[in-house]
């Protein structure tokens, strides 16, 4: 499966169970670990768990075995690692606390005079 197809599969799985504020970050120039990080919010720990399960189930149905799934037992923050795409699913409070969007949007060039 191509990376763009995998990205769409994850987005569709998240939308199926009403994830909120889905953000797709292209991190190809920042890390060799993955190409895309998809960040989404679940309204509750129960929804975060359900969203992580849905992403995992949809990936498996498409023949993709997740490399790892973390945090789905607690439900504050779940991570589904599909290799080229990593999904971070968090409660609103956890998402605000860690602010991954800001962390992964560091400018590529820094002016030395600043």
PDB file of N, CA and C in Angstrom:
ATOM      1  N   UNK A   1       0.846  -1.178   0.000  1.00  0.00           N
ATOM      2  CA  UNK A   1       0.000   0.000   0.000  1.00  0.00           C
ATOM      3  C   UNK A   1       0.895   1.247   0.000  1.00  0.00           C
ATOM      4  N   UNK A   2       0.562   2.194  -0.851  1.00  0.00           N
ATOM      5  CA  UNK A   2       1.331   3.426  -0.934  1.00  0.00           C
ATOM      6  C   UNK A   2       1.052   4.306   0.277  1.00  0.00           C
ATOM      7  N   UNK A   3       2.019   5.174   0.576  1.00  0.00           N
ATOM      8  CA  UNK A   3       1.910   6.000   1.777  1.00  0.00           C
ATOM      9  C   UNK A   3       0.671   6.903   1.746  1.00  0.00           C
ATOM     10  N   UNK A   4       0.313   7.452   0.598  1.00  0.00           N
ATOM     11  CA  UNK A   4      -0.880   8.303   0.544  1.00  0.00           C
ATOM     12  C   UNK A   4      -2.160   7.496   0.774  1.00  0.00           C
ATOM     13  N   UNK A   5      -2.197   6.260   0.299  1.00  0.00           N
ATOM     14  CA  UNK A   5      -3.345   5.394   0.552  1.00  0.00           C
ATOM     15  C   UNK A   5      -3.445   5.058   2.045  1.00  0.00           C
ATOM     16  N   UNK A   6      -2.302   4.812   2.660  1.00  0.00           N
ATOM     17  CA  UNK A   6      -2.268   4.505   4.082  1.00  0.00           C
ATOM     18  C   UNK A   6      -2.724   5.717   4.895  1.00  0.00           C
ATOM     19  N   UNK A   7      -2.274   6.893   4.504  1.00  0.00           N
ATOM     20  CA  UNK A   7      -2.679   8.135   5.175  1.00  0.00           C
ATOM     21  C   UNK A   7      -4.198   8.292   5.092  1.00  0.00           C
ATOM     22  N   UNK A   8      -4.778   8.070   3.914  1.00  0.00           N
ATOM     23  CA  UNK A   8      -6.228   8.195   3.745  1.00  0.00           C
ATOM     24  C   UNK A   8      -6.984   7.129   4.541  1.00  0.00           C
ATOM     25  N   UNK A   9      -6.430   5.931   4.618  1.00  0.00           N
ATOM     26  CA  UNK A   9      -7.044   4.862   5.397  1.00  0.00           C
ATOM     27  C   UNK A   9      -7.156   5.285   6.861  1.00  0.00           C
ATOM     28  N   UNK A  10      -6.084   5.860   7.399  1.00  0.00           N
ATOM     29  CA  UNK A  10      -6.086   6.293   8.802  1.00  0.00           C
ATOM     30  C   UNK A  10      -7.101   7.416   9.006  1.00  0.00           C
ATOM     31  N   UNK A  11      -7.105   8.396   8.111  1.00  0.00           N
ATOM     32  CA  UNK A  11      -8.053   9.511   8.225  1.00  0.00           C
ATOM     33  C   UNK A  11      -9.488   8.992   8.174  1.00  0.00           C
ATOM     34  N   UNK A  12      -9.780   8.094   7.245  1.00  0.00           N
ATOM     35  CA  UNK A  12     -11.129   7.523   7.132  1.00  0.00           C
ATOM     36  C   UNK A  12     -11.519   6.768   8.399  1.00  0.00           C
ATOM     37  N   UNK A  13     -10.585   5.997   8.942  1.00  0.00           N
ATOM     38  CA  UNK A  13     -10.867   5.237  10.169  1.00  0.00           C
ATOM     39  C   UNK A  13     -11.186   6.188  11.321  1.00  0.00           C
ATOM     40  N   UNK A  14     -10.448   7.289  11.413  1.00  0.00           N
ATOM     41  CA  UNK A  14     -10.686   8.266  12.478  1.00  0.00           C
ATOM     42  C   UNK A  14     -12.027   8.971  12.280  1.00  0.00           C
ATOM     43  N   UNK A  15     -12.335   9.315  11.041  1.00  0.00           N
ATOM     44  CA  UNK A  15     -13.605   9.992  10.758  1.00  0.00           C
ATOM     45  C   UNK A  15     -14.796   9.081  11.011  1.00  0.00           C
ATOM     46  N   UNK A  16     -14.617   7.763  10.810  1.00  0.00           N
ATOM     47  CA  UNK A  16     -15.702   6.798  11.034  1.00  0.00           C
ATOM     48  C   UNK A  16     -16.259   6.879  12.456  1.00  0.00           C
ATOM     49  N   UNK A  17     -15.389   7.146  13.416  1.00  0.00           N
ATOM     50  CA  UNK A  17     -15.822   7.187  14.819  1.00  0.00           C
ATOM     51  C   UNK A  17     -15.761   8.615  15.356  1.00  0.00           C
ATOM     52  N   UNK A  18     -15.871   9.577  14.460  1.00  0.00           N
ATOM     53  CA  UNK A  18     -16.051  10.986  14.830  1.00  0.00           C
ATOM     54  C   UNK A  18     -14.885  11.594  15.601  1.00  0.00           C
ATOM     55  N   UNK A  19     -13.646  11.294  15.195  1.00  0.00           N
ATOM     56  CA  UNK A  19     -12.494  11.986  15.776  1.00  0.00           C
ATOM     57  C   UNK A  19     -12.619  13.470  15.453  1.00  0.00           C
ATOM     58  N   UNK A  20     -12.085  14.291  16.327  1.00  0.00           N
ATOM     59  CA  UNK A  20     -12.157  15.733  16.128  1.00  0.00           C
ATOM     60  C   UNK A  20     -10.776  16.285  15.780  1.00  0.00           C
ATOM     61  N   UNK A  21     -10.772  17.414  15.091  1.00  0.00           N
ATOM     62  CA  UNK A  21      -9.562  18.185  14.790  1.00  0.00           C
ATOM     63  C   UNK A  21      -8.422  17.304  14.259  1.00  0.00           C
ATOM     64  N   UNK A  22      -8.688  16.596  13.181  1.00  0.00           N
ATOM     65  CA  UNK A  22      -7.678  15.727  12.575  1.00  0.00           C
ATOM     66  C   UNK A  22      -6.658  16.584  11.821  1.00  0.00           C
ATOM     67  N   UNK A  23      -5.404  16.457  12.197  1.00  0.00           N
ATOM     68  CA  UNK A  23      -4.324  17.207  11.556  1.00  0.00           C
ATOM     69  C   UNK A  23      -3.334  16.214  10.956  1.00  0.00           C
ATOM     70  N   UNK A  24      -2.886  16.506   9.739  1.00  0.00           N
ATOM     71  CA  UNK A  24      -1.901  15.662   9.069  1.00  0.00           C
ATOM     72  C   UNK A  24      -0.615  16.459   8.942  1.00  0.00           C
ATOM     73  N   UNK A  25       0.464  15.958   9.532  1.00  0.00           N
ATOM     74  CA  UNK A  25       1.757  16.629   9.476  1.00  0.00           C
ATOM     75  C   UNK A  25       2.694  15.838   8.570  1.00  0.00           C
ATOM     76  N   UNK A  26       3.220  16.483   7.557  1.00  0.00           N
ATOM     77  CA  UNK A  26       4.217  15.876   6.681  1.00  0.00           C
ATOM     78  C   UNK A  26       5.575  16.115   7.328  1.00  0.00           C
ATOM     79  N   UNK A  27       6.184  15.050   7.847  1.00  0.00           N
ATOM     80  CA  UNK A  27       7.457  15.176   8.567  1.00  0.00           C
ATOM     81  C   UNK A  27       8.611  14.515   7.803  1.00  0.00           C
ATOM     82  N   UNK A  28       8.419  14.343   6.500  1.00  0.00           N
ATOM     83  CA  UNK A  28       9.440  13.645   5.695  1.00  0.00           C
ATOM     84  C   UNK A  28      10.792  14.344   5.747  1.00  0.00           C
ATOM     85  N   UNK A  29      10.805  15.666   5.868  1.00  0.00           N
ATOM     86  CA  UNK A  29      12.079  16.384   5.892  1.00  0.00           C
ATOM     87  C   UNK A  29      12.655  16.500   7.293  1.00  0.00           C
ATOM     88  N   UNK A  30      11.904  16.076   8.313  1.00  0.00           N
ATOM     89  CA  UNK A  30      12.343  16.236   9.700  1.00  0.00           C
ATOM     90  C   UNK A  30      12.827  14.951  10.361  1.00  0.00           C
ATOM     91  N   UNK A  31      12.393  13.801   9.848  1.00  0.00           N
ATOM     92  CA  UNK A  31      12.754  12.537  10.490  1.00  0.00           C
ATOM     93  C   UNK A  31      12.723  11.398   9.475  1.00  0.00           C
ATOM     94  N   UNK A  32      13.506  10.378   9.743  1.00  0.00           N
ATOM     95  CA  UNK A  32      13.494   9.171   8.919  1.00  0.00           C
ATOM     96  C   UNK A  32      12.544   8.124   9.497  1.00  0.00           C
ATOM     97  N   UNK A  33      11.983   8.399  10.656  1.00  0.00           N
ATOM     98  CA  UNK A  33      11.143   7.437  11.365  1.00  0.00           C
ATOM     99  C   UNK A  33       9.824   7.200  10.644  1.00  0.00           C
ATOM    100  N   UNK A  34       9.228   8.265  10.116  1.00  0.00           N
ATOM    101  CA  UNK A  34       7.918   8.173   9.473  1.00  0.00           C
ATOM    102  C   UNK A  34       7.769   9.303   8.467  1.00  0.00           C
ATOM    103  N   UNK A  35       6.788   9.199   7.591  1.00  0.00           N
ATOM    104  CA  UNK A  35       6.521  10.268   6.627  1.00  0.00           C
ATOM    105  C   UNK A  35       5.420  11.215   7.105  1.00  0.00           C
ATOM    106  N   UNK A  36       4.389  10.648   7.740  1.00  0.00           N
ATOM    107  CA  UNK A  36       3.258  11.462   8.184  1.00  0.00           C
ATOM    108  C   UNK A  36       2.883  11.133   9.617  1.00  0.00           C
ATOM    109  N   UNK A  37       2.572  12.182  10.361  1.00  0.00           N
ATOM    110  CA  UNK A  37       1.964  12.024  11.684  1.00  0.00           C
ATOM    111  C   UNK A  37       0.563  12.569  11.574  1.00  0.00           C
ATOM    112  N   UNK A  38      -0.390  11.776  12.005  1.00  0.00           N
ATOM    113  CA  UNK A  38      -1.781  12.199  12.015  1.00  0.00           C
ATOM    114  C   UNK A  38      -2.188  12.328  13.476  1.00  0.00           C
ATOM    115  N   UNK A  39      -2.654  13.516  13.819  1.00  0.00           N
ATOM    116  CA  UNK A  39      -3.022  13.808  15.200  1.00  0.00           C
ATOM    117  C   UNK A  39      -4.525  14.046  15.234  1.00  0.00           C
ATOM    118  N   UNK A  40      -5.190  13.400  16.188  1.00  0.00           N
ATOM    119  CA  UNK A  40      -6.645  13.549  16.301  1.00  0.00           C
ATOM    120  C   UNK A  40      -7.043  13.578  17.767  1.00  0.00           C
ATOM    121  N   UNK A  41      -8.207  14.138  18.015  1.00  0.00           N
ATOM    122  CA  UNK A  41      -8.725  14.243  19.370  1.00  0.00           C
ATOM    123  C   UNK A  41      -9.954  13.359  19.525  1.00  0.00           C
ATOM    124  N   UNK A  42      -9.972  12.637  20.643  1.00  0.00           N
ATOM    125  CA  UNK A  42     -11.155  11.898  21.064  1.00  0.00           C
ATOM    126  C   UNK A  42     -11.733  12.609  22.275  1.00  0.00           C
ATOM    127  N   UNK A  43     -13.060  12.680  22.374  1.00  0.00           N
ATOM    128  CA  UNK A  43     -13.710  13.441  23.443  1.00  0.00           C
ATOM    129  C   UNK A  43     -13.477  12.860  24.834  1.00  0.00           C
ATOM    130  N   UNK A  44     -13.187  11.567  24.892  1.00  0.00           N
ATOM    131  CA  UNK A  44     -13.033  10.891  26.183  1.00  0.00           C
ATOM    132  C   UNK A  44     -11.998   9.780  26.040  1.00  0.00           C
ATOM    133  N   UNK A  45     -11.565   9.228  27.177  1.00  0.00           N
ATOM    134  CA  UNK A  45     -10.620   8.109  27.115  1.00  0.00           C
ATOM    135  C   UNK A  45     -11.254   6.923  26.388  1.00  0.00           C
ATOM    136  N   UNK A  46     -12.545   6.750  26.563  1.00  0.00           N
ATOM    137  CA  UNK A  46     -13.247   5.658  25.876  1.00  0.00           C
ATOM    138  C   UNK A  46     -13.192   5.846  24.360  1.00  0.00           C
ATOM    139  N   UNK A  47     -13.404   7.084  23.892  1.00  0.00           N
ATOM    140  CA  UNK A  47     -13.350   7.335  22.455  1.00  0.00           C
ATOM    141  C   UNK A  47     -11.921   7.210  21.923  1.00  0.00           C
ATOM    142  N   UNK A  48     -10.932   7.649  22.694  1.00  0.00           N
ATOM    143  CA  UNK A  48      -9.535   7.502  22.270  1.00  0.00           C
ATOM    144  C   UNK A  48      -9.217   6.026  22.045  1.00  0.00           C
ATOM    145  N   UNK A  49      -9.640   5.185  22.977  1.00  0.00           N
ATOM    146  CA  UNK A  49      -9.422   3.740  22.839  1.00  0.00           C
ATOM    147  C   UNK A  49     -10.123   3.191  21.600  1.00  0.00           C
ATOM    148  N   UNK A  50     -11.375   3.614  21.388  1.00  0.00           N
ATOM    149  CA  UNK A  50     -12.148   3.144  20.235  1.00  0.00           C
ATOM    150  C   UNK A  50     -11.501   3.599  18.923  1.00  0.00           C
ATOM    151  N   UNK A  51     -11.005   4.828  18.891  1.00  0.00           N
ATOM    152  CA  UNK A  51     -10.361   5.347  17.678  1.00  0.00           C
ATOM    153  C   UNK A  51      -9.086   4.566  17.363  1.00  0.00           C
ATOM    154  N   UNK A  52      -8.279   4.299  18.393  1.00  0.00           N
ATOM    155  CA  UNK A  52      -7.047   3.527  18.178  1.00  0.00           C
ATOM    156  C   UNK A  52      -7.390   2.127  17.672  1.00  0.00           C
ATOM    157  N   UNK A  53      -8.414   1.527  18.236  1.00  0.00           N
ATOM    158  CA  UNK A  53      -8.852   0.202  17.811  1.00  0.00           C
ATOM    159  C   UNK A  53      -9.343   0.223  16.367  1.00  0.00           C
ATOM    160  N   UNK A  54     -10.070   1.273  15.999  1.00  0.00           N
ATOM    161  CA  UNK A  54     -10.589   1.395  14.636  1.00  0.00           C
ATOM    162  C   UNK A  54      -9.446   1.527  13.626  1.00  0.00           C
ATOM    163  N   UNK A  55      -8.453   2.358  13.943  1.00  0.00           N
ATOM    164  CA  UNK A  55      -7.292   2.516  13.045  1.00  0.00           C
ATOM    165  C   UNK A  55      -6.578   1.183  12.894  1.00  0.00           C
ATOM    166  N   UNK A  56      -6.364   0.487  14.000  1.00  0.00           N
ATOM    167  CA  UNK A  56      -5.684  -0.815  13.976  1.00  0.00           C
ATOM    168  C   UNK A  56      -6.480  -1.827  13.161  1.00  0.00           C
ATOM    169  N   UNK A  57      -7.786  -1.887  13.384  1.00  0.00           N
ATOM    170  CA  UNK A  57      -8.653  -2.839  12.671  1.00  0.00           C
ATOM    171  C   UNK A  57      -8.668  -2.570  11.166  1.00  0.00           C
ATOM    172  N   UNK A  58      -8.791  -1.299  10.789  1.00  0.00           N
ATOM    173  CA  UNK A  58      -8.828  -0.943   9.365  1.00  0.00           C
ATOM    174  C   UNK A  58      -7.492  -1.256   8.688  1.00  0.00           C
ATOM    175  N   UNK A  59      -6.398  -1.001   9.393  1.00  0.00           N
ATOM    176  CA  UNK A  59      -5.074  -1.306   8.831  1.00  0.00           C
ATOM    177  C   UNK A  59      -4.940  -2.811   8.608  1.00  0.00           C
ATOM    178  N   UNK A  60      -5.307  -3.589   9.609  1.00  0.00           N
ATOM    179  CA  UNK A  60      -5.217  -5.053   9.487  1.00  0.00           C
ATOM    180  C   UNK A  60      -6.103  -5.565   8.355  1.00  0.00           C
ATOM    181  N   UNK A  61      -7.299  -4.980   8.215  1.00  0.00           N
ATOM    182  CA  UNK A  61      -8.212  -5.389   7.148  1.00  0.00           C
ATOM    183  C   UNK A  61      -7.611  -5.101   5.772  1.00  0.00           C
ATOM    184  N   UNK A  62      -6.740  -4.098   5.705  1.00  0.00           N
ATOM    185  CA  UNK A  62      -6.090  -3.741   4.435  1.00  0.00           C
ATOM    186  C   UNK A  62      -4.760  -4.478   4.263  1.00  0.00           C
ATOM    187  N   UNK A  63      -4.458  -5.387   5.197  1.00  0.00           N
ATOM    188  CA  UNK A  63      -3.233  -6.172   5.094  1.00  0.00           C
ATOM    189  C   UNK A  63      -2.006  -5.509   5.687  1.00  0.00           C
ATOM    190  N   UNK A  64      -2.204  -4.455   6.488  1.00  0.00           N
ATOM    191  CA  UNK A  64      -1.093  -3.752   7.133  1.00  0.00           C
ATOM    192  C   UNK A  64      -1.060  -4.152   8.607  1.00  0.00           C
ATOM    193  N   UNK A  65       0.043  -4.738   9.028  1.00  0.00           N
ATOM    194  CA  UNK A  65       0.200  -5.104  10.428  1.00  0.00           C
ATOM    195  C   UNK A  65       0.866  -3.936  11.160  1.00  0.00           C
ATOM    196  N   UNK A  66       0.191  -3.332  12.151  1.00  0.00           N
ATOM    197  CA  UNK A  66       0.814  -2.230  12.890  1.00  0.00           C
ATOM    198  C   UNK A  66       2.144  -2.660  13.514  1.00  0.00           C
ATOM    199  N   UNK A  67       3.122  -1.758  13.460  1.00  0.00           N
ATOM    200  CA  UNK A  67       4.423  -2.027  14.076  1.00  0.00           C
ATOM    201  C   UNK A  67       4.326  -1.934  15.585  1.00  0.00           C
ATOM    202  N   UNK A  68       3.372  -1.152  16.056  1.00  0.00           N
ATOM    203  CA  UNK A  68       3.179  -1.019  17.490  1.00  0.00           C
ATOM    204  C   UNK A  68       1.932  -0.221  17.797  1.00  0.00           C
ATOM    205  N   UNK A  69       1.337  -0.519  18.947  1.00  0.00           N
ATOM    206  CA  UNK A  69       0.193   0.238  19.454  1.00  0.00           C
ATOM    207  C   UNK A  69       0.487   0.488  20.918  1.00  0.00           C
ATOM    208  N   UNK A  70       0.474   1.755  21.312  1.00  0.00           N
ATOM    209  CA  UNK A  70       0.803   2.124  22.693  1.00  0.00           C
ATOM    210  C   UNK A  70      -0.318   2.945  23.300  1.00  0.00           C
ATOM    211  N   UNK A  71      -0.523   2.807  24.588  1.00  0.00           N
ATOM    212  CA  UNK A  71      -1.401   3.681  25.341  1.00  0.00           C
ATOM    213  C   UNK A  71      -2.887   3.417  25.229  1.00  0.00           C
ATOM    214  N   UNK A  72      -3.283   2.421  24.447  1.00  0.00           N
ATOM    215  CA  UNK A  72      -4.717   2.202  24.280  1.00  0.00           C
ATOM    216  C   UNK A  72      -5.370   1.688  25.561  1.00  0.00           C
ATOM    217  N   UNK A  73      -4.592   1.168  26.498  1.00  0.00           N
ATOM    218  CA  UNK A  73      -5.162   0.692  27.758  1.00  0.00           C
ATOM    219  C   UNK A  73      -5.582   1.839  28.669  1.00  0.00           C
ATOM    220  N   UNK A  74      -4.799   2.935  28.673  1.00  0.00           N
ATOM    221  CA  UNK A  74      -5.086   4.081  29.535  1.00  0.00           C
ATOM    222  C   UNK A  74      -6.094   5.011  28.874  1.00  0.00           C
ATOM    223  N   UNK A  75      -5.856   5.338  27.619  1.00  0.00           N
ATOM    224  CA  UNK A  75      -6.819   6.120  26.872  1.00  0.00           C
ATOM    225  C   UNK A  75      -6.608   7.616  26.861  1.00  0.00           C
ATOM    226  N   UNK A  76      -5.591   8.133  27.546  1.00  0.00           N
ATOM    227  CA  UNK A  76      -5.308   9.568  27.476  1.00  0.00           C
ATOM    228  C   UNK A  76      -4.627   9.907  26.141  1.00  0.00           C
ATOM    229  N   UNK A  77      -3.757   8.991  25.698  1.00  0.00           N
ATOM    230  CA  UNK A  77      -3.008   9.198  24.467  1.00  0.00           C
ATOM    231  C   UNK A  77      -2.685   7.812  23.900  1.00  0.00           C
ATOM    232  N   UNK A  78      -3.179   7.544  22.721  1.00  0.00           N
ATOM    233  CA  UNK A  78      -2.881   6.278  22.055  1.00  0.00           C
ATOM    234  C   UNK A  78      -2.069   6.577  20.801  1.00  0.00           C
ATOM    235  N   UNK A  79      -1.128   5.703  20.512  1.00  0.00           N
ATOM    236  CA  UNK A  79      -0.282   5.836  19.329  1.00  0.00           C
ATOM    237  C   UNK A  79      -0.387   4.550  18.534  1.00  0.00           C
ATOM    238  N   UNK A  80      -0.654   4.678  17.233  1.00  0.00           N
ATOM    239  CA  UNK A  80      -0.686   3.528  16.341  1.00  0.00           C
ATOM    240  C   UNK A  80       0.394   3.752  15.292  1.00  0.00           C
ATOM    241  N   UNK A  81       1.425   2.911  15.324  1.00  0.00           N
ATOM    242  CA  UNK A  81       2.569   3.038  14.412  1.00  0.00           C
ATOM    243  C   UNK A  81       2.377   2.100  13.229  1.00  0.00           C
ATOM    244  N   UNK A  82       2.153   2.709  12.055  1.00  0.00           N
ATOM    245  CA  UNK A  82       1.977   1.939  10.827  1.00  0.00           C
ATOM    246  C   UNK A  82       3.183   2.118   9.901  1.00  0.00           C
ATOM    247  N   UNK A  83       4.308   2.501  10.471  1.00  0.00           N
ATOM    248  CA  UNK A  83       5.519   2.681   9.683  1.00  0.00           C
ATOM    249  C   UNK A  83       5.560   4.055   9.034  1.00  0.00           C
ATOM    250  N   UNK A  84       5.067   4.160   7.812  1.00  0.00           N
ATOM    251  CA  UNK A  84       5.090   5.435   7.090  1.00  0.00           C
ATOM    252  C   UNK A  84       4.103   6.450   7.648  1.00  0.00           C
ATOM    253  N   UNK A  85       3.155   5.979   8.433  1.00  0.00           N
ATOM    254  CA  UNK A  85       2.150   6.851   9.050  1.00  0.00           C
ATOM    255  C   UNK A  85       2.023   6.462  10.521  1.00  0.00           C
ATOM    256  N   UNK A  86       2.087   7.474  11.382  1.00  0.00           N
ATOM    257  CA  UNK A  86       1.884   7.262  12.818  1.00  0.00           C
ATOM    258  C   UNK A  86       0.685   8.092  13.239  1.00  0.00           C
ATOM    259  N   UNK A  87      -0.273   7.456  13.901  1.00  0.00           N
ATOM    260  CA  UNK A  87      -1.457   8.157  14.398  1.00  0.00           C
ATOM    261  C   UNK A  87      -1.324   8.394  15.893  1.00  0.00           C
ATOM    262  N   UNK A  88      -1.507   9.644  16.293  1.00  0.00           N
ATOM    263  CA  UNK A  88      -1.556  10.039  17.705  1.00  0.00           C
ATOM    264  C   UNK A  88      -2.991  10.436  17.989  1.00  0.00           C
ATOM    265  N   UNK A  89      -3.619   9.764  18.948  1.00  0.00           N
ATOM    266  CA  UNK A  89      -5.009  10.045  19.290  1.00  0.00           C
ATOM    267  C   UNK A  89      -5.040  10.397  20.771  1.00  0.00           C
ATOM    268  N   UNK A  90      -5.548  11.597  21.084  1.00  0.00           N
ATOM    269  CA  UNK A  90      -5.456  12.092  22.456  1.00  0.00           C
ATOM    270  C   UNK A  90      -6.756  12.712  22.934  1.00  0.00           C
ATOM    271  N   UNK A  91      -6.900  12.763  24.250  1.00  0.00           N
ATOM    272  CA  UNK A  91      -7.991  13.537  24.831  1.00  0.00           C
ATOM    273  C   UNK A  91      -7.648  15.013  24.630  1.00  0.00           C
ATOM    274  N   UNK A  92      -8.654  15.894  24.697  1.00  0.00           N
ATOM    275  CA  UNK A  92      -8.378  17.328  24.494  1.00  0.00           C
ATOM    276  C   UNK A  92      -7.305  17.877  25.435  1.00  0.00           C
ATOM    277  N   UNK A  93      -7.354  17.497  26.695  1.00  0.00           N
ATOM    278  CA  UNK A  93      -6.390  18.013  27.667  1.00  0.00           C
ATOM    279  C   UNK A  93      -4.971  17.537  27.347  1.00  0.00           C
ATOM    280  N   UNK A  94      -4.825  16.273  27.007  1.00  0.00           N
ATOM    281  CA  UNK A  94      -3.507  15.734  26.669  1.00  0.00           C
ATOM    282  C   UNK A  94      -2.969  16.395  25.409  1.00  0.00           C
ATOM    283  N   UNK A  95      -3.836  16.603  24.439  1.00  0.00           N
ATOM    284  CA  UNK A  95      -3.399  17.231  23.194  1.00  0.00           C
ATOM    285  C   UNK A  95      -2.911  18.662  23.437  1.00  0.00           C
ATOM    286  N   UNK A  96      -3.626  19.387  24.277  1.00  0.00           N
ATOM    287  CA  UNK A  96      -3.209  20.752  24.610  1.00  0.00           C
ATOM    288  C   UNK A  96      -1.877  20.747  25.352  1.00  0.00           C
ATOM    289  N   UNK A  97      -1.711  19.811  26.275  1.00  0.00           N
ATOM    290  CA  UNK A  97      -0.490  19.739  27.069  1.00  0.00           C
ATOM    291  C   UNK A  97       0.738  19.486  26.204  1.00  0.00           C
ATOM    292  N   UNK A  98       0.662  18.528  25.290  1.00  0.00           N
ATOM    293  CA  UNK A  98       1.841  18.134  24.520  1.00  0.00           C
ATOM    294  C   UNK A  98       2.021  18.907  23.221  1.00  0.00           C
ATOM    295  N   UNK A  99       0.943  19.450  22.657  1.00  0.00           N
ATOM    296  CA  UNK A  99       0.998  20.317  21.486  1.00  0.00           C
ATOM    297  C   UNK A  99       1.976  19.812  20.411  1.00  0.00           C
ATOM    298  N   UNK A 100       1.744  18.598  19.941  1.00  0.00           N
ATOM    299  CA  UNK A 100       2.638  17.995  18.943  1.00  0.00           C
ATOM    300  C   UNK A 100       2.723  18.796  17.654  1.00  0.00           C
ATOM    301  N   UNK A 101       1.648  19.469  17.293  1.00  0.00           N
ATOM    302  CA  UNK A 101       1.677  20.268  16.067  1.00  0.00           C
ATOM    303  C   UNK A 101       2.795  21.308  16.137  1.00  0.00           C
ATOM    304  N   UNK A 102       2.921  21.968  17.281  1.00  0.00           N
ATOM    305  CA  UNK A 102       3.974  22.977  17.435  1.00  0.00           C
ATOM    306  C   UNK A 102       5.346  22.314  17.464  1.00  0.00           C
ATOM    307  N   UNK A 103       5.448  21.205  18.155  1.00  0.00           N
ATOM    308  CA  UNK A 103       6.727  20.503  18.253  1.00  0.00           C
ATOM    309  C   UNK A 103       7.265  20.101  16.884  1.00  0.00           C
ATOM    310  N   UNK A 104       6.381  19.666  15.991  1.00  0.00           N
ATOM    311  CA  UNK A 104       6.804  19.201  14.673  1.00  0.00           C
ATOM    312  C   UNK A 104       6.741  20.282  13.595  1.00  0.00           C
ATOM    313  N   UNK A 105       6.530  21.527  13.995  1.00  0.00           N
ATOM    314  CA  UNK A 105       6.526  22.603  13.010  1.00  0.00           C
ATOM    315  C   UNK A 105       7.694  23.556  13.225  1.00  0.00           C
ATOM    316  N   UNK A 106       8.801  23.033  13.746  1.00  0.00           N
ATOM    317  CA  UNK A 106       9.999  23.836  13.948  1.00  0.00           C
ATOM    318  C   UNK A 106      10.474  24.335  12.588  1.00  0.00           C
ATOM    319  N   UNK A 107      10.799  25.636  12.480  1.00  0.00           N
ATOM    320  CA  UNK A 107      11.242  26.143  11.172  1.00  0.00           C
ATOM    321  C   UNK A 107      12.514  25.439  10.701  1.00  0.00           C
ATOM    322  N   UNK A 108      12.585  25.207   9.386  1.00  0.00           N
ATOM    323  CA  UNK A 108      13.732  24.469   8.836  1.00  0.00           C
ATOM    324  C   UNK A 108      15.009  25.305   8.858  1.00  0.00           C
ATOM    325  N   UNK A 109      14.890  26.613   8.717  1.00  0.00           N
ATOM    326  CA  UNK A 109      16.070  27.469   8.738  1.00  0.00           C
ATOM    327  C   UNK A 109      15.907  28.493   9.856  1.00  0.00           C
ATOM    328  N   UNK A 110      16.987  28.740  10.571  1.00  0.00           N
ATOM    329  CA  UNK A 110      16.951  29.693  11.680  1.00  0.00           C
ATOM    330  C   UNK A 110      17.908  30.822  11.336  1.00  0.00           C
ATOM    331  N   UNK A 111      17.442  32.050  11.475  1.00  0.00           N
ATOM    332  CA  UNK A 111      18.272  33.227  11.230  1.00  0.00           C
ATOM    333  C   UNK A 111      19.227  33.393  12.398  1.00  0.00           C
ATOM    334  N   UNK A 112      20.520  33.349  12.153  1.00  0.00           N
ATOM    335  CA  UNK A 112      21.535  33.419  13.210  1.00  0.00           C
ATOM    336  C   UNK A 112      21.499  34.753  13.941  1.00  0.00           C
ATOM    337  N   UNK A 113      20.935  35.781  13.335  1.00  0.00           N
ATOM    338  CA  UNK A 113      20.904  37.102  13.987  1.00  0.00           C
ATOM    339  C   UNK A 113      19.815  37.218  15.035  1.00  0.00           C
ATOM    340  N   UNK A 114      18.917  36.237  15.086  1.00  0.00           N
ATOM    341  CA  UNK A 114      17.818  36.301  16.057  1.00  0.00           C
ATOM    342  C   UNK A 114      18.266  35.926  17.436  1.00  0.00           C
TER     343      UNK A 114
END
